[in-house]
Every structure is written in structure tokens, then in C-alpha cells.
PDB file of N, CA and C in Angstrom:
ATOM      1  N   MET A   1       0.950  -1.184  -0.078  1.00  0.00           N
ATOM      2  CA  MET A   1      -0.093   0.015   0.108  1.00  0.00           C
ATOM      3  C   MET A   1       0.954   1.022   0.047  1.00  0.00           C
ATOM      4  N   LYS A   2       0.559   1.996  -0.952  1.00  0.00           N
ATOM      5  CA  LYS A   2       1.347   3.387  -0.961  1.00  0.00           C
ATOM      6  C   LYS A   2       0.431   4.710  -1.152  1.00  0.00           C
ATOM      7  N   VAL A   3       0.750   5.549  -0.449  1.00  0.00           N
ATOM      8  CA  VAL A   3      -0.028   6.793  -0.547  1.00  0.00           C
ATOM      9  C   VAL A   3       0.776   7.959  -0.963  1.00  0.00           C
ATOM     10  N   TYR A   4       0.433   8.618  -2.006  1.00  0.00           N
ATOM     11  CA  TYR A   4       1.111   9.722  -2.515  1.00  0.00           C
ATOM     12  C   TYR A   4       0.348  11.017  -2.266  1.00  0.00           C
ATOM     13  N   VAL A   5       0.812  12.020  -1.552  1.00  0.00           N
ATOM     14  CA  VAL A   5       0.078  13.378  -1.422  1.00  0.00           C
ATOM     15  C   VAL A   5       0.781  14.374  -2.206  1.00  0.00           C
ATOM     16  N   HIS A   6      -0.052  14.985  -3.001  1.00  0.00           N
ATOM     17  CA  HIS A   6       0.625  16.078  -3.796  1.00  0.00           C
ATOM     18  C   HIS A   6      -0.406  17.351  -3.600  1.00  0.00           C
ATOM     19  N   ASP A   7       0.101  18.342  -4.028  1.00  0.00           N
ATOM     20  CA  ASP A   7      -0.591  19.798  -3.722  1.00  0.00           C
ATOM     21  C   ASP A   7      -1.943  19.708  -4.380  1.00  0.00           C
ATOM     22  N   LYS A   8      -2.151  18.992  -5.473  1.00  0.00           N
ATOM     23  CA  LYS A   8      -3.431  18.871  -6.221  1.00  0.00           C
ATOM     24  C   LYS A   8      -4.255  17.711  -5.777  1.00  0.00           C
ATOM     25  N   GLY A   9      -3.781  16.710  -5.109  1.00  0.00           N
ATOM     26  CA  GLY A   9      -4.550  15.523  -4.884  1.00  0.00           C
ATOM     27  C   GLY A   9      -3.561  14.472  -4.128  1.00  0.00           C
ATOM     28  N   ILE A  10      -4.317  13.343  -4.075  1.00  0.00           N
ATOM     29  CA  ILE A  10      -3.817  12.193  -3.330  1.00  0.00           C
ATOM     30  C   ILE A  10      -4.054  10.936  -4.335  1.00  0.00           C
ATOM     31  N   ILE A  11      -2.881  10.065  -4.328  1.00  0.00           N
ATOM     32  CA  ILE A  11      -3.013   8.914  -5.043  1.00  0.00           C
ATOM     33  C   ILE A  11      -2.707   7.699  -4.213  1.00  0.00           C
ATOM     34  N   LEU A  12      -3.698   6.843  -4.142  1.00  0.00           N
ATOM     35  CA  LEU A  12      -3.525   5.661  -3.297  1.00  0.00           C
ATOM     36  C   LEU A  12      -3.117   4.356  -4.185  1.00  0.00           C
ATOM     37  N   VAL A  13      -2.364   3.535  -4.041  1.00  0.00           N
ATOM     38  CA  VAL A  13      -1.927   2.505  -4.791  1.00  0.00           C
ATOM     39  C   VAL A  13      -1.903   1.205  -3.849  1.00  0.00           C
ATOM     40  N   GLY A  14      -2.665   0.284  -4.282  1.00  0.00           N
ATOM     41  CA  GLY A  14      -2.660  -0.939  -3.635  1.00  0.00           C
ATOM     42  C   GLY A  14      -3.890  -1.813  -4.077  1.00  0.00           C
ATOM     43  N   LYS A  15      -4.254  -2.903  -3.291  1.00  0.00           N
ATOM     44  CA  LYS A  15      -5.399  -3.595  -3.640  1.00  0.00           C
ATOM     45  C   LYS A  15      -6.592  -3.008  -3.121  1.00  0.00           C
ATOM     46  N   ALA A  16      -7.778  -3.357  -3.801  1.00  0.00           N
ATOM     47  CA  ALA A  16      -8.912  -2.625  -3.552  1.00  0.00           C
ATOM     48  C   ALA A  16      -9.165  -2.622  -2.070  1.00  0.00           C
ATOM     49  N   TRP A  17      -9.095  -3.670  -1.136  1.00  0.00           N
ATOM     50  CA  TRP A  17      -9.539  -3.815  -0.082  1.00  0.00           C
ATOM     51  C   TRP A  17      -8.513  -2.930   0.766  1.00  0.00           C
ATOM     52  N   GLU A  18      -7.224  -2.869   0.474  1.00  0.00           N
ATOM     53  CA  GLU A  18      -6.212  -2.026   1.081  1.00  0.00           C
ATOM     54  C   GLU A  18      -6.823  -0.478   1.020  1.00  0.00           C
ATOM     55  N   VAL A  19      -6.955  -0.073   0.064  1.00  0.00           N
ATOM     56  CA  VAL A  19      -7.378   1.389  -0.504  1.00  0.00           C
ATOM     57  C   VAL A  19      -8.655   1.639   0.377  1.00  0.00           C
ATOM     58  N   LEU A  20      -9.748   0.881   0.461  1.00  0.00           N
ATOM     59  CA  LEU A  20     -10.772   1.120   1.140  1.00  0.00           C
ATOM     60  C   LEU A  20     -10.410   1.164   2.753  1.00  0.00           C
ATOM     61  N   GLN A  21      -9.634   0.321   3.184  1.00  0.00           N
ATOM     62  CA  GLN A  21      -9.294   0.342   4.646  1.00  0.00           C
ATOM     63  C   GLN A  21      -8.536   1.632   5.006  1.00  0.00           C
ATOM     64  N   LYS A  22      -7.617   2.036   3.990  1.00  0.00           N
ATOM     65  CA  LYS A  22      -6.890   3.354   4.148  1.00  0.00           C
ATOM     66  C   LYS A  22      -7.693   4.641   4.243  1.00  0.00           C
ATOM     67  N   LEU A  23      -8.626   4.451   3.251  1.00  0.00           N
ATOM     68  CA  LEU A  23      -9.808   5.613   3.130  1.00  0.00           C
ATOM     69  C   LEU A  23     -10.572   5.752   4.379  1.00  0.00           C
ATOM     70  N   LYS A  24     -10.913   4.635   4.940  1.00  0.00           N
ATOM     71  CA  LYS A  24     -11.666   4.515   6.191  1.00  0.00           C
ATOM     72  C   LYS A  24     -10.877   5.129   7.397  1.00  0.00           C
ATOM     73  N   GLU A  25      -9.406   4.763   7.455  1.00  0.00           N
ATOM     74  CA  GLU A  25      -8.561   5.211   8.377  1.00  0.00           C
ATOM     75  C   GLU A  25      -8.360   6.790   8.420  1.00  0.00           C
ATOM     76  N   TYR A  26      -8.157   7.194   7.288  1.00  0.00           N
ATOM     77  CA  TYR A  26      -7.993   8.638   6.980  1.00  0.00           C
ATOM     78  C   TYR A  26      -9.400   9.504   7.168  1.00  0.00           C
ATOM     79  N   HIS A  27     -10.469   8.828   7.080  1.00  0.00           N
ATOM     80  CA  HIS A  27     -11.818   9.610   7.280  1.00  0.00           C
ATOM     81  C   HIS A  27     -11.966   9.666   8.604  1.00  0.00           C
ATOM     82  N   ARG A  28     -11.298   9.397   9.524  1.00  0.00           N
ATOM     83  CA  ARG A  28     -11.314   9.561  11.011  1.00  0.00           C
ATOM     84  C   ARG A  28     -10.717  10.890  11.327  1.00  0.00           C
ATOM     85  N   GLU A  29      -9.803  11.275  10.374  1.00  0.00           N
ATOM     86  CA  GLU A  29      -8.749  12.505  10.687  1.00  0.00           C
ATOM     87  C   GLU A  29      -9.509  13.467   9.853  1.00  0.00           C
ATOM     88  N   HIS A  30      -9.985  13.190   8.529  1.00  0.00           N
ATOM     89  CA  HIS A  30     -10.315  14.206   7.710  1.00  0.00           C
ATOM     90  C   HIS A  30     -11.768  13.985   7.121  1.00  0.00           C
ATOM     91  N   ALA A  31     -12.543  14.977   7.172  1.00  0.00           N
ATOM     92  CA  ALA A  31     -13.947  14.965   6.637  1.00  0.00           C
ATOM     93  C   ALA A  31     -13.912  14.706   5.078  1.00  0.00           C
ATOM     94  N   THR A  32     -13.213  15.407   4.219  1.00  0.00           N
ATOM     95  CA  THR A  32     -13.192  15.336   2.902  1.00  0.00           C
ATOM     96  C   THR A  32     -11.677  15.283   2.230  1.00  0.00           C
ATOM     97  N   VAL A  33     -11.638  14.645   1.150  1.00  0.00           N
ATOM     98  CA  VAL A  33     -10.297  14.728   0.528  1.00  0.00           C
ATOM     99  C   VAL A  33      -9.678  16.065   0.397  1.00  0.00           C
ATOM    100  N   ALA A  34     -10.533  16.977   0.019  1.00  0.00           N
ATOM    101  CA  ALA A  34     -10.109  18.279  -0.151  1.00  0.00           C
ATOM    102  C   ALA A  34      -9.402  18.875   1.302  1.00  0.00           C
ATOM    103  N   GLU A  35     -10.097  18.595   2.170  1.00  0.00           N
ATOM    104  CA  GLU A  35      -9.525  19.088   3.559  1.00  0.00           C
ATOM    105  C   GLU A  35      -8.120  18.251   3.891  1.00  0.00           C
ATOM    106  N   TRP A  36      -7.945  17.047   3.476  1.00  0.00           N
ATOM    107  CA  TRP A  36      -6.800  16.243   3.733  1.00  0.00           C
ATOM    108  C   TRP A  36      -5.692  16.806   2.797  1.00  0.00           C
ATOM    109  N   VAL A  37      -6.105  17.308   1.670  1.00  0.00           N
ATOM    110  CA  VAL A  37      -5.058  17.849   0.794  1.00  0.00           C
ATOM    111  C   VAL A  37      -4.617  19.251   1.226  1.00  0.00           C
ATOM    112  N   GLN A  38      -5.608  19.865   1.615  1.00  0.00           N
ATOM    113  CA  GLN A  38      -5.234  21.164   2.273  1.00  0.00           C
ATOM    114  C   GLN A  38      -4.441  21.203   3.618  1.00  0.00           C
ATOM    115  N   LYS A  39      -4.781  20.321   4.363  1.00  0.00           N
ATOM    116  CA  LYS A  39      -3.862  20.094   5.506  1.00  0.00           C
ATOM    117  C   LYS A  39      -2.517  19.720   5.374  1.00  0.00           C
ATOM    118  N   SER A  40      -2.251  18.532   4.400  1.00  0.00           N
ATOM    119  CA  SER A  40      -1.047  18.259   3.976  1.00  0.00           C
ATOM    120  C   SER A  40      -0.018  19.078   3.187  1.00  0.00           C
ATOM    121  N   ALA A  41      -0.788  20.240   2.514  1.00  0.00           N
ATOM    122  CA  ALA A  41      -0.076  21.146   1.844  1.00  0.00           C
ATOM    123  C   ALA A  41       0.637  22.097   2.810  1.00  0.00           C
ATOM    124  N   GLN A  42      -0.221  22.425   4.042  1.00  0.00           N
ATOM    125  CA  GLN A  42       0.222  23.452   5.054  1.00  0.00           C
ATOM    126  C   GLN A  42       1.701  22.792   5.740  1.00  0.00           C
ATOM    127  N   LYS A  43       1.918  21.590   5.676  1.00  0.00           N
ATOM    128  CA  LYS A  43       2.949  21.043   6.451  1.00  0.00           C
ATOM    129  C   LYS A  43       4.353  21.287   5.646  1.00  0.00           C
TER     130      LYS A  43
END
């Protein structure tokens, strides 16, 4: 499972069940993908 975070978006690479699991994990921290990208860009 690989997660690439860019200024314009996020790329998740892995098997379908891994991607779904990772999205559920990140959903606990961020309500939307846009929020996730915005917070990642600030770092």
C-alpha cells in the first residue's frame, strides 16, 4: 500500500481492500479529501 500526497490531490496505490481500509482510516482524521490535501499542503 502506497499513499502519495501532492498539492493537487492524493494517489492511493494498492489492492482494492487496502485502499478502502486506508480511506476509512483517514476518514477519522479528515472529513473530505479536499481537507486532507489542504492540511497536507500546509506541512
